[in-house]
């Protein structure tokens, strides 16, 4: 009997392989759309992406999968399957049950509309004109809302928005996130006020120096090398390209990152490269035996963000990193920073100041940007806000939370690609990732108490190996609530992240 259930399991796993490969093809075609595709290609590309999704949906909803799942789950030897096998069965069933509920035409049309909306978003952003973008965003929102309303039944969520959040952060409804974010927000506002009232404000003029693009590209390559993200060797599994909005995409042996270079804002590319490299490292270091299996993905988007935010901020904005990397930066940028000392630079890149752009926000104010988006998304799917009203609500929120005035929608509601890409429900993952990173580093420091000294000497390998062993290698073997307990011994808790920020910034701002 044991042989029969293993045979059925292997057949199920084989049927799950093709859509996983198709998803990687979809991501590669999407990457090309963002990096290499000529402008006239958008209509054809939208059809290509739609067809891939349609075919993938057909495969995922094959009735044979349903029959195999039923056979396996009712088999008397089901409990003989190991943890990985049972998890794969669970994930395949979850995906099957959800996809079966979604009409094929809805899946196809959503993929097509996402490609069109992203293209229009780029044009509208360049023109600083939301009216160009609004109609296509409205169409995409209606498609996503329809899917969410369908999925809330099968996912057993209380709202359509919770069904979308579950795609990115399983089993973490908006009610739970709201409670966590309220506590985080209060702590952040207190810390921001302390930084604002400090008499020791950093000199940020150094950040306005112009750095030629070719120099910035060399710095990005050096950052990739430091964190062991291979883009250069004969066995390289990564590459760095330029896009309007940085992102990471890929699967195991081919994980690509993008950045965006600004001649008069060199830190934008610097920190986006660190951030995306953090994502890439995670994607490449899931247990390789999990390849082509449902468990061969990141645990959740929140956990993915915990890894990228760790590399970008806890590592990338630390004194220890810059003790080693500042001489490298100076060498790669000619004489741009020849007269700048280490302390001035470190204080400048850690300047706490409410700003308009999320991806360029400091690590103290950053989560407020996310909370704003989370609140707006909740209201949007609850029918309290319309797509037409998004700019007004956005601008009011930024004034209330961060005290900044939005001058035009390209620095406001159109700054992110997420909604244009259909990623409603993603934004909470960024702040959840910050919180996870605080808990993860708290545990890492117990096992690697000298990790900061190692960083200052250019050694990232031990830290990376700890992250692989404790976070990355597990893939999707656990739900996020289970994995954070396995790592930190507790449920999600924002206190370690707040403690990290308070300790770091009390030293920088002397309070």
Protein backbone atom coordinates (compact mmCIF):
# COMPACT_ATOMS: atom_id res chain seq x y z
CA UNK A 1 0.00 0.00 0.00
CA UNK A 2 2.88 2.35 0.80
CA UNK A 3 4.14 1.97 -2.79
CA UNK A 4 0.72 2.96 -4.18
CA UNK A 5 0.46 6.20 -2.21
CA UNK A 6 4.01 7.21 -3.15
CA UNK A 7 3.17 6.51 -6.79
CA UNK A 8 0.09 8.75 -6.56
CA UNK A 9 2.10 11.44 -4.78
CA UNK A 10 4.81 11.43 -7.46
CA UNK A 11 2.18 11.71 -10.17
CA UNK A 12 0.61 14.69 -8.38
CA UNK A 13 4.01 16.35 -8.02
CA UNK A 14 4.73 15.82 -11.72
CA UNK A 15 1.44 17.51 -12.61
CA UNK A 16 2.36 20.44 -10.37
CA UNK A 17 5.72 20.91 -12.11
CA UNK A 18 4.56 22.38 -15.44
CA UNK A 19 2.65 25.36 -14.01
CA UNK A 20 5.66 26.17 -11.83
CA UNK A 21 7.85 26.25 -14.95
CA UNK A 22 5.21 28.29 -16.80
CA UNK A 23 5.17 30.78 -13.94
CA UNK A 24 8.92 31.20 -14.35
CA UNK A 25 8.39 31.81 -18.09
CA UNK A 26 5.71 34.41 -17.27
CA UNK A 27 8.16 36.16 -14.95
CA UNK A 28 10.91 36.15 -17.56
CA UNK A 29 8.60 37.60 -20.22
CA UNK A 30 7.49 40.23 -17.69
CA UNK A 31 11.13 41.03 -16.89
CA UNK A 32 11.78 41.60 -20.60
CA UNK A 33 8.75 43.90 -20.76
CA UNK A 34 10.27 46.05 -18.03
CA UNK A 35 13.87 46.05 -19.30
CA UNK A 36 14.31 45.30 -23.00
CA UNK A 37 10.97 45.43 -24.82
CA UNK A 38 10.61 48.19 -27.46
CA UNK A 39 7.68 50.59 -26.86
CA UNK A 40 5.55 49.22 -29.69
CA UNK A 41 5.62 45.73 -28.23
CA UNK A 42 3.11 46.31 -25.44
CA UNK A 43 -0.05 45.06 -27.20
CA UNK A 44 1.65 41.85 -28.32
CA UNK A 45 3.23 41.43 -24.88
CA UNK A 46 -0.12 41.78 -23.13
CA UNK A 47 -1.47 38.95 -25.30
CA UNK A 48 1.59 36.80 -24.61
CA UNK A 49 1.29 37.23 -20.85
CA UNK A 50 -2.45 36.59 -20.97
CA UNK A 51 -1.97 33.36 -22.92
CA UNK A 52 0.70 32.08 -20.53
CA UNK A 53 -1.64 32.69 -17.60
CA UNK A 54 -4.52 31.05 -19.43
CA UNK A 55 -2.50 27.91 -20.15
CA UNK A 56 -1.14 27.86 -16.61
CA UNK A 57 -4.68 28.12 -15.25
CA UNK A 58 -5.82 25.22 -17.44
CA UNK A 59 -3.03 23.03 -16.12
CA UNK A 60 -3.60 24.00 -12.48
CA UNK A 61 -7.32 23.20 -12.75
CA UNK A 62 -6.97 19.84 -14.52
CA UNK A 63 -9.68 17.58 -12.98
CA UNK A 64 -7.07 14.83 -12.68
CA UNK A 65 -5.35 16.92 -9.99
CA UNK A 66 -8.60 17.01 -8.02
CA UNK A 67 -9.00 13.23 -8.33
CA UNK A 68 -5.43 12.59 -7.23
CA UNK A 69 -5.81 14.92 -4.25
CA UNK A 70 -9.00 13.18 -3.19
CA UNK A 71 -7.34 9.78 -3.56
CA UNK A 72 -4.31 10.80 -1.55
CA UNK A 73 -6.16 12.52 1.28
CA UNK A 74 -8.50 9.55 1.75
CA UNK A 75 -5.74 6.95 1.47
CA UNK A 76 -5.27 4.86 4.67
CA UNK A 77 -1.49 5.36 4.42
CA UNK A 78 -1.67 9.18 4.07
CA UNK A 79 -0.12 9.69 7.50
CA UNK A 80 2.96 7.78 6.32
CA UNK A 81 3.90 10.68 4.07
CA UNK A 82 6.65 12.87 5.51
CA UNK A 83 6.39 16.57 6.39
CA UNK A 84 7.57 17.82 3.00
CA UNK A 85 5.22 15.51 1.11
CA UNK A 86 2.21 16.49 3.21
CA UNK A 87 3.05 20.17 2.81
CA UNK A 88 3.23 19.79 -0.96
CA UNK A 89 -0.15 18.09 -0.98
CA UNK A 90 -1.60 20.88 1.17
CA UNK A 91 -0.20 23.63 -1.09
CA UNK A 92 -1.33 21.92 -4.29
CA UNK A 93 -4.84 21.47 -2.86
CA UNK A 94 -4.97 25.11 -1.74
CA UNK A 95 -3.92 26.30 -5.19
CA UNK A 96 -6.28 23.88 -6.96
CA UNK A 97 -9.31 24.81 -4.85
CA UNK A 98 -8.71 28.51 -5.45
CA UNK A 99 -7.93 28.31 -9.16
CA UNK A 100 -10.94 26.11 -9.89
CA UNK A 101 -13.16 28.89 -8.54
CA UNK A 102 -11.66 31.54 -10.83
CA UNK A 103 -13.10 31.72 -14.36
CA UNK A 104 -10.47 31.14 -17.04
CA UNK A 105 -11.46 34.31 -18.89
CA UNK A 106 -11.03 36.38 -15.71
CA UNK A 107 -7.51 35.03 -15.21
CA UNK A 108 -6.61 35.72 -18.84
CA UNK A 109 -8.12 39.20 -18.94
CA UNK A 110 -6.47 40.18 -15.64
CA UNK A 111 -3.02 39.24 -16.94
CA UNK A 112 -3.63 41.21 -20.14
CA UNK A 113 -4.93 44.22 -18.26
CA UNK A 114 -1.96 44.18 -15.86
CA UNK A 115 0.48 44.52 -18.77
CA UNK A 116 -1.52 47.38 -20.30
CA UNK A 117 -1.94 49.16 -16.97
CA UNK A 118 1.79 49.02 -16.21
CA UNK A 119 2.56 50.49 -19.63
CA UNK A 120 0.04 53.30 -19.16
CA UNK A 121 1.31 53.90 -15.60
CA UNK A 122 4.82 54.56 -16.96
CA UNK A 123 3.49 57.10 -19.46
CA UNK A 124 1.22 58.78 -16.92
CA UNK A 125 4.02 58.97 -14.38
CA UNK A 126 6.34 60.60 -16.92
CA UNK A 127 3.58 63.08 -17.82
CA UNK A 128 2.59 63.64 -14.17
CA UNK A 129 -1.00 63.08 -15.23
CA UNK A 130 -3.19 60.70 -13.21
CA UNK A 131 -6.09 61.11 -15.65
CA UNK A 132 -4.14 59.04 -18.22
CA UNK A 133 -3.71 56.22 -15.70
CA UNK A 134 -7.07 56.24 -13.91
CA UNK A 135 -9.24 54.45 -16.54
CA UNK A 136 -6.89 51.48 -16.89
CA UNK A 137 -6.29 51.25 -13.15
CA UNK A 138 -10.06 51.29 -12.69
CA UNK A 139 -10.48 48.36 -15.08
CA UNK A 140 -7.77 46.37 -13.30
CA UNK A 141 -9.21 47.14 -9.87
CA UNK A 142 -12.63 45.80 -10.93
CA UNK A 143 -11.01 42.59 -12.18
CA UNK A 144 -9.04 42.13 -8.95
CA UNK A 145 -12.11 42.92 -6.86
CA UNK A 146 -14.11 40.29 -8.74
CA UNK A 147 -11.39 37.71 -8.12
CA UNK A 148 -11.15 38.71 -4.46
CA UNK A 149 -14.89 38.29 -3.96
CA UNK A 150 -14.66 34.79 -5.43
CA UNK A 151 -11.58 33.84 -3.43
CA UNK A 152 -12.87 35.02 -0.06
CA UNK A 153 -15.28 32.06 -0.02
CA UNK A 154 -12.69 29.38 -0.77
CA UNK A 155 -10.04 31.06 1.42
CA UNK A 156 -12.65 31.49 4.18
CA UNK A 157 -11.79 35.14 4.77
CA UNK A 158 -14.21 37.72 6.13
CA UNK A 159 -13.51 40.34 3.43
CA UNK A 160 -12.36 40.42 -0.21
CA UNK A 161 -9.28 42.38 0.85
CA UNK A 162 -8.29 39.64 3.30
CA UNK A 163 -8.43 37.19 0.39
CA UNK A 164 -5.87 39.30 -1.47
CA UNK A 165 -3.60 39.70 1.57
CA UNK A 166 -3.64 35.91 1.95
CA UNK A 167 -1.91 35.59 -1.44
CA UNK A 168 1.09 37.45 -0.04
CA UNK A 169 0.91 36.80 3.71
CA UNK A 170 -1.13 33.65 4.40
CA UNK A 171 -3.39 33.57 7.44
CA UNK A 172 -2.79 37.18 8.41
CA UNK A 173 -6.04 39.14 7.98
CA UNK A 174 -6.27 42.94 7.94
CA UNK A 175 -7.64 42.94 11.50
CA UNK A 176 -4.45 41.31 12.80
CA UNK A 177 -2.23 43.57 10.70
CA UNK A 178 -4.08 46.68 11.93
CA UNK A 179 -3.44 45.75 15.55
CA UNK A 180 0.27 45.18 14.88
CA UNK A 181 0.63 48.32 12.78
CA UNK A 182 -1.07 50.50 15.41
CA UNK A 183 1.53 49.50 17.99
CA UNK A 184 4.36 49.95 15.50
CA UNK A 185 3.04 53.34 14.40
CA UNK A 186 2.93 54.72 17.94
CA UNK A 187 6.51 53.69 18.58
CA UNK A 188 7.71 55.13 15.28
CA UNK A 189 6.01 58.48 15.79
CA UNK A 190 7.67 58.81 19.20
CA UNK A 191 11.07 57.98 17.73
CA UNK A 192 10.62 60.37 14.79
CA UNK A 193 9.87 63.21 17.20
CA UNK A 194 13.02 62.45 19.20
CA UNK A 195 15.11 62.55 16.04
CA UNK A 196 13.42 65.72 14.84
CA UNK A 197 14.03 67.49 18.17
CA UNK A 198 17.67 66.46 18.49
CA UNK A 199 20.26 69.21 18.31
CA UNK A 200 22.58 66.88 16.39
CA UNK A 201 21.13 66.90 12.89
CA UNK A 202 23.22 65.32 10.13
CA UNK A 203 24.72 67.19 7.20
CA UNK A 204 22.98 65.62 4.18
CA UNK A 205 24.58 67.82 1.51
CA UNK A 206 26.91 64.96 0.61
CA UNK A 207 23.91 62.99 -0.68
CA UNK A 208 23.22 65.64 -3.32
CA UNK A 209 26.53 65.18 -5.08
CA UNK A 210 26.25 64.05 -8.68
CA UNK A 211 27.64 60.59 -9.37
CA UNK A 212 27.99 59.52 -13.03
CA UNK A 213 25.83 56.54 -13.97
CA UNK A 214 28.82 54.39 -14.97
CA UNK A 215 30.25 54.84 -11.46
CA UNK A 216 26.91 53.91 -9.87
CA UNK A 217 26.77 50.77 -12.01
CA UNK A 218 30.20 49.75 -10.73
CA UNK A 219 29.02 50.31 -7.15
CA UNK A 220 25.97 48.09 -7.78
CA UNK A 221 28.25 45.34 -9.07
CA UNK A 222 30.49 45.69 -6.01
CA UNK A 223 27.47 45.44 -3.69
CA UNK A 224 26.33 42.27 -5.48
CA UNK A 225 29.79 40.81 -5.04
CA UNK A 226 29.86 41.69 -1.32
CA UNK A 227 26.62 39.82 -0.60
CA UNK A 228 27.67 36.94 -2.88
CA UNK A 229 25.02 37.54 -5.51
CA UNK A 230 26.89 36.25 -8.56
CA UNK A 231 26.37 38.24 -11.76
CA UNK A 232 29.81 37.84 -13.33
CA UNK A 233 31.22 34.30 -13.18
CA UNK A 234 30.65 31.46 -15.67
CA UNK A 235 28.22 29.96 -13.15
CA UNK A 236 26.38 33.22 -12.45
CA UNK A 237 22.69 32.92 -11.61
CA UNK A 238 21.90 36.63 -11.56
CA UNK A 239 22.12 39.91 -13.41
CA UNK A 240 21.46 43.61 -12.76
CA UNK A 241 19.44 45.74 -15.18
CA UNK A 242 17.72 49.12 -15.06
CA UNK A 243 13.97 49.74 -14.84
CA UNK A 244 11.56 52.50 -13.86
CA UNK A 245 10.76 50.72 -10.57
CA UNK A 246 13.27 48.23 -9.10
CA UNK A 247 12.15 44.63 -8.67
CA UNK A 248 13.43 41.05 -8.43
CA UNK A 249 12.19 38.09 -10.42
CA UNK A 250 13.34 34.58 -11.20
CA UNK A 251 13.55 31.04 -9.92
CA UNK A 252 16.45 29.23 -8.21
CA UNK A 253 19.27 29.33 -10.81
CA UNK A 254 18.07 32.44 -12.68
CA UNK A 255 17.12 35.24 -10.31
CA UNK A 256 17.42 38.74 -11.74
CA UNK A 257 17.34 42.14 -10.07
CA UNK A 258 16.81 45.64 -11.38
CA UNK A 259 17.60 49.10 -10.11
CA UNK A 260 17.18 52.70 -11.27
CA UNK A 261 20.03 55.19 -11.56
CA UNK A 262 19.64 58.90 -10.82
CA UNK A 263 22.69 61.04 -11.48
CA UNK A 264 21.74 63.50 -8.72
CA UNK A 265 20.54 60.85 -6.21
CA UNK A 266 23.11 58.06 -6.08
CA UNK A 267 21.74 56.52 -2.87
CA UNK A 268 18.53 55.54 -4.68
CA UNK A 269 20.31 52.91 -6.78
CA UNK A 270 22.68 52.02 -3.95
CA UNK A 271 19.93 51.03 -1.53
CA UNK A 272 17.62 49.55 -4.15
CA UNK A 273 20.46 47.27 -5.26
CA UNK A 274 21.02 46.17 -1.67
CA UNK A 275 17.27 45.62 -1.25
CA UNK A 276 16.79 43.61 -4.42
CA UNK A 277 19.97 41.59 -3.81
CA UNK A 278 18.42 40.55 -0.49
CA UNK A 279 15.43 39.18 -2.38
CA UNK A 280 17.67 37.42 -4.88
CA UNK A 281 19.78 35.71 -2.21
CA UNK A 282 16.61 34.31 -0.66
CA UNK A 283 15.30 33.05 -4.00
CA UNK A 284 18.56 31.28 -4.81
CA UNK A 285 19.06 29.62 -1.44
CA UNK A 286 15.82 27.77 -0.87
CA UNK A 287 16.60 24.08 -0.53
CA UNK A 288 17.52 23.04 -4.07
CA UNK A 289 15.76 19.70 -3.57
CA UNK A 290 12.53 21.73 -3.45
CA UNK A 291 12.90 22.92 -7.06
CA UNK A 292 9.73 22.34 -9.13
CA UNK A 293 7.77 21.64 -5.93
CA UNK A 294 5.22 23.94 -4.26
CA UNK A 295 7.50 24.16 -1.18
CA UNK A 296 10.21 25.64 -3.43
CA UNK A 297 9.09 29.25 -2.95
CA UNK A 298 9.67 31.87 -0.28
CA UNK A 299 7.61 31.39 2.88
CA UNK A 300 5.70 34.62 2.24
CA UNK A 301 6.24 38.08 0.82
CA UNK A 302 6.69 39.35 4.37
CA UNK A 303 9.56 36.92 4.87
CA UNK A 304 10.97 37.91 1.49
CA UNK A 305 10.86 41.54 2.63
CA UNK A 306 12.53 40.59 5.92
CA UNK A 307 15.53 39.41 3.93
CA UNK A 308 15.64 42.38 1.56
CA UNK A 309 15.11 44.93 4.33
CA UNK A 310 17.83 43.25 6.38
CA UNK A 311 20.35 43.57 3.56
CA UNK A 312 19.24 47.10 2.65
CA UNK A 313 19.04 48.59 6.14
CA UNK A 314 20.26 46.52 9.06
CA UNK A 315 23.33 45.65 7.01
CA UNK A 316 23.45 48.40 4.38
CA UNK A 317 22.94 51.41 6.65
CA UNK A 318 25.14 50.10 9.45
CA UNK A 319 28.47 51.62 10.48
CA UNK A 320 30.03 48.16 10.25
CA UNK A 321 29.20 47.81 6.56
CA UNK A 322 30.52 51.25 5.70
CA UNK A 323 33.75 50.79 7.65
CA UNK A 324 34.51 48.21 4.97
CA UNK A 325 32.60 49.56 1.96
CA UNK A 326 33.21 53.34 2.18
CA UNK A 327 36.77 53.02 0.83
CA UNK A 328 35.33 50.87 -1.98
CA UNK A 329 32.73 53.55 -2.75
CA UNK A 330 35.41 56.23 -2.84
CA UNK A 331 37.56 54.18 -5.16
CA UNK A 332 34.72 53.45 -7.58
CA UNK A 333 33.41 57.02 -7.76
CA UNK A 334 36.61 58.91 -8.58
CA UNK A 335 37.03 61.98 -6.42
CA UNK A 336 33.32 62.58 -5.75
CA UNK A 337 33.66 61.67 -2.04
CA UNK A 338 37.39 62.16 -1.54
CA UNK A 339 36.83 64.91 1.07
CA UNK A 340 34.03 63.13 2.98
CA UNK A 341 34.73 61.37 6.27
CA UNK A 342 33.06 58.14 7.37
CA UNK A 343 30.98 59.60 10.22
CA UNK A 344 29.52 62.35 8.05
CA UNK A 345 28.51 59.82 5.42
CA UNK A 346 26.97 57.35 7.89
CA UNK A 347 24.92 60.05 9.58
CA UNK A 348 23.75 61.39 6.21
CA UNK A 349 22.47 58.03 4.94
CA UNK A 350 20.67 57.52 8.26
CA UNK A 351 19.00 60.90 8.27
CA UNK A 352 15.46 60.65 9.64
CA UNK A 353 13.13 62.94 7.77
CA UNK A 354 9.55 62.40 6.59
CA UNK A 355 9.53 62.26 2.80
CA UNK A 356 7.28 61.66 -0.18
CA UNK A 357 8.83 58.59 -1.82
CA UNK A 358 8.55 55.19 -0.13
CA UNK A 359 11.53 53.46 -1.75
CA UNK A 360 13.82 56.32 -0.74
CA UNK A 361 12.49 56.67 2.81
CA UNK A 362 14.74 56.19 5.83
CA UNK A 363 14.19 53.04 7.88
CA UNK A 364 12.40 54.89 10.70
CA UNK A 365 9.71 56.60 8.62
CA UNK A 366 9.45 53.84 5.99
CA UNK A 367 6.75 51.78 7.68
CA UNK A 368 4.46 54.82 7.84
CA UNK A 369 4.51 54.88 4.02
CA UNK A 370 3.35 51.26 4.10
CA UNK A 371 0.65 51.87 6.70
CA UNK A 372 -0.77 54.66 4.53
CA UNK A 373 -1.06 52.28 1.57
CA UNK A 374 -2.53 49.53 3.73
CA UNK A 375 -5.25 51.87 5.04
CA UNK A 376 -6.08 53.10 1.53
CA UNK A 377 -6.32 49.56 0.16
CA UNK A 378 -8.70 48.57 2.94
CA UNK A 379 -10.95 51.53 2.17
CA UNK A 380 -10.73 50.91 -1.58
CA UNK A 381 -11.96 47.32 -1.31
CA UNK A 382 -14.55 48.27 1.32
CA UNK A 383 -16.05 50.76 -1.15
CA UNK A 384 -15.19 53.78 1.01
CA UNK A 385 -12.81 55.19 -1.62
CA UNK A 386 -13.03 55.09 -5.41
CA UNK A 387 -10.16 54.83 -7.90
CA UNK A 388 -10.90 58.41 -8.96
CA UNK A 389 -10.47 59.62 -5.37
CA UNK A 390 -7.12 57.90 -4.76
CA UNK A 391 -4.91 60.99 -5.36
CA UNK A 392 -6.92 63.12 -2.93
CA UNK A 393 -6.96 60.43 -0.23
CA UNK A 394 -3.26 59.73 -0.79
CA UNK A 395 -2.28 63.38 -0.45
CA UNK A 396 -4.37 63.85 2.69
CA UNK A 397 -2.83 60.75 4.26
CA UNK A 398 0.71 61.93 3.56
CA UNK A 399 -0.07 65.27 5.13
CA UNK A 400 -1.57 63.60 8.21
CA UNK A 401 1.02 60.84 8.74
CA UNK A 402 4.23 62.40 7.45
CA UNK A 403 3.50 66.13 7.33
CA UNK A 404 4.54 66.46 3.69
CA UNK A 405 2.73 68.13 0.78
CA UNK A 406 2.44 66.15 -2.44
CA UNK A 407 2.98 68.50 -5.40
CA UNK A 408 1.99 66.13 -8.21
CA UNK A 409 0.71 62.56 -8.53
CA UNK A 410 3.97 61.12 -9.85
CA UNK A 411 5.49 61.72 -6.43
CA UNK A 412 2.20 60.68 -4.88
CA UNK A 413 -0.23 57.96 -5.83
CA UNK A 414 1.66 57.02 -9.02
CA UNK A 415 5.08 56.48 -7.43
CA UNK A 416 4.70 52.69 -7.07
CA UNK A 417 4.16 50.03 -9.73
CA UNK A 418 2.29 47.64 -7.40
CA UNK A 419 -1.30 48.68 -8.12
CA UNK A 420 -0.60 48.95 -11.84
CA UNK A 421 0.74 45.38 -11.63
CA UNK A 422 -2.37 44.17 -9.79
CA UNK A 423 -0.53 43.64 -6.51
CA UNK A 424 -3.30 44.79 -4.21
CA UNK A 425 -2.61 43.33 -0.76
CA UNK A 426 1.17 43.28 -1.19
CA UNK A 427 2.05 46.52 0.61
CA UNK A 428 1.52 45.29 4.22
CA UNK A 429 4.31 42.75 3.60
CA UNK A 430 6.94 45.49 3.60
CA UNK A 431 6.27 46.57 7.18
CA UNK A 432 5.60 42.99 8.25
CA UNK A 433 9.03 42.21 6.78
CA UNK A 434 10.60 44.96 8.87
CA UNK A 435 9.04 43.41 11.97
CA UNK A 436 10.22 39.91 11.07
CA UNK A 437 13.73 41.26 10.41
CA UNK A 438 13.87 42.68 13.94
CA UNK A 439 12.94 39.32 15.45
CA UNK A 440 15.31 37.41 13.15
CA UNK A 441 18.33 39.60 13.88
CA UNK A 442 17.52 39.45 17.57
CA UNK A 443 18.01 35.68 17.39
CA UNK A 444 21.01 35.85 15.07
CA UNK A 445 22.87 38.05 17.55
CA UNK A 446 22.57 35.31 20.18
CA UNK A 447 24.30 32.78 17.92
CA UNK A 448 26.64 35.16 16.08
CA UNK A 449 27.45 37.87 18.64
CA UNK A 450 30.42 39.09 16.60
CA UNK A 451 28.58 39.40 13.28
CA UNK A 452 28.99 43.16 13.07
CA UNK A 453 32.77 42.91 13.44
CA UNK A 454 32.82 40.36 10.64
CA UNK A 455 30.90 42.76 8.40
CA UNK A 456 33.39 45.56 9.07
CA UNK A 457 36.12 43.25 7.79
CA UNK A 458 34.23 42.42 4.61
CA UNK A 459 32.97 39.01 5.74
CA UNK A 460 29.29 38.47 4.91
CA UNK A 461 29.52 34.72 4.42
CA UNK A 462 28.79 33.60 8.00
CA UNK A 463 25.82 35.94 8.28
CA UNK A 464 24.49 34.74 4.94
CA UNK A 465 24.89 31.09 5.96
CA UNK A 466 22.99 31.74 9.20
CA UNK A 467 20.14 33.32 7.23
CA UNK A 468 20.11 30.42 4.77
CA UNK A 469 20.03 27.82 7.55
CA UNK A 470 17.40 29.52 9.71
CA UNK A 471 15.18 31.31 7.17
CA UNK A 472 15.80 30.72 3.50
CA UNK A 473 16.40 26.98 3.13
CA UNK A 474 12.92 26.15 4.46
CA UNK A 475 11.16 27.68 1.46
CA UNK A 476 7.41 27.34 1.89
CA UNK A 477 7.58 24.36 4.20
CA UNK A 478 5.88 26.42 6.93
CA UNK A 479 3.24 29.13 7.11
CA UNK A 480 4.80 32.47 8.13
CA UNK A 481 3.29 32.29 11.62
CA UNK A 482 4.96 28.90 12.09
CA UNK A 483 8.33 29.96 10.67
CA UNK A 484 8.67 33.06 12.84
CA UNK A 485 7.91 30.90 15.91
CA UNK A 486 10.52 28.37 14.77
CA UNK A 487 13.13 31.14 14.41
CA UNK A 488 12.27 33.47 17.29
CA UNK A 489 10.20 31.27 19.60
CA UNK A 490 7.35 33.82 19.47
CA UNK A 491 4.56 35.05 17.26
CA UNK A 492 5.09 38.19 15.19
CA UNK A 493 6.17 40.97 17.54
CA UNK A 494 7.12 44.52 16.57
CA UNK A 495 9.06 45.25 19.78
CA UNK A 496 12.47 43.84 18.66
CA UNK A 497 12.35 45.99 15.52
CA UNK A 498 11.45 49.10 17.53
CA UNK A 499 14.20 48.28 20.04
CA UNK A 500 16.72 47.99 17.21
CA UNK A 501 15.67 51.39 15.81
CA UNK A 502 15.69 53.11 19.20
CA UNK A 503 19.13 51.81 20.09
CA UNK A 504 20.63 52.74 16.72
CA UNK A 505 19.11 56.21 16.41
CA UNK A 506 19.61 57.23 20.03
CA UNK A 507 23.33 56.86 19.31
CA UNK A 508 23.19 58.69 15.98
CA UNK A 509 21.05 61.53 17.33
CA UNK A 510 22.41 61.53 20.87
CA UNK A 511 19.22 61.28 22.91
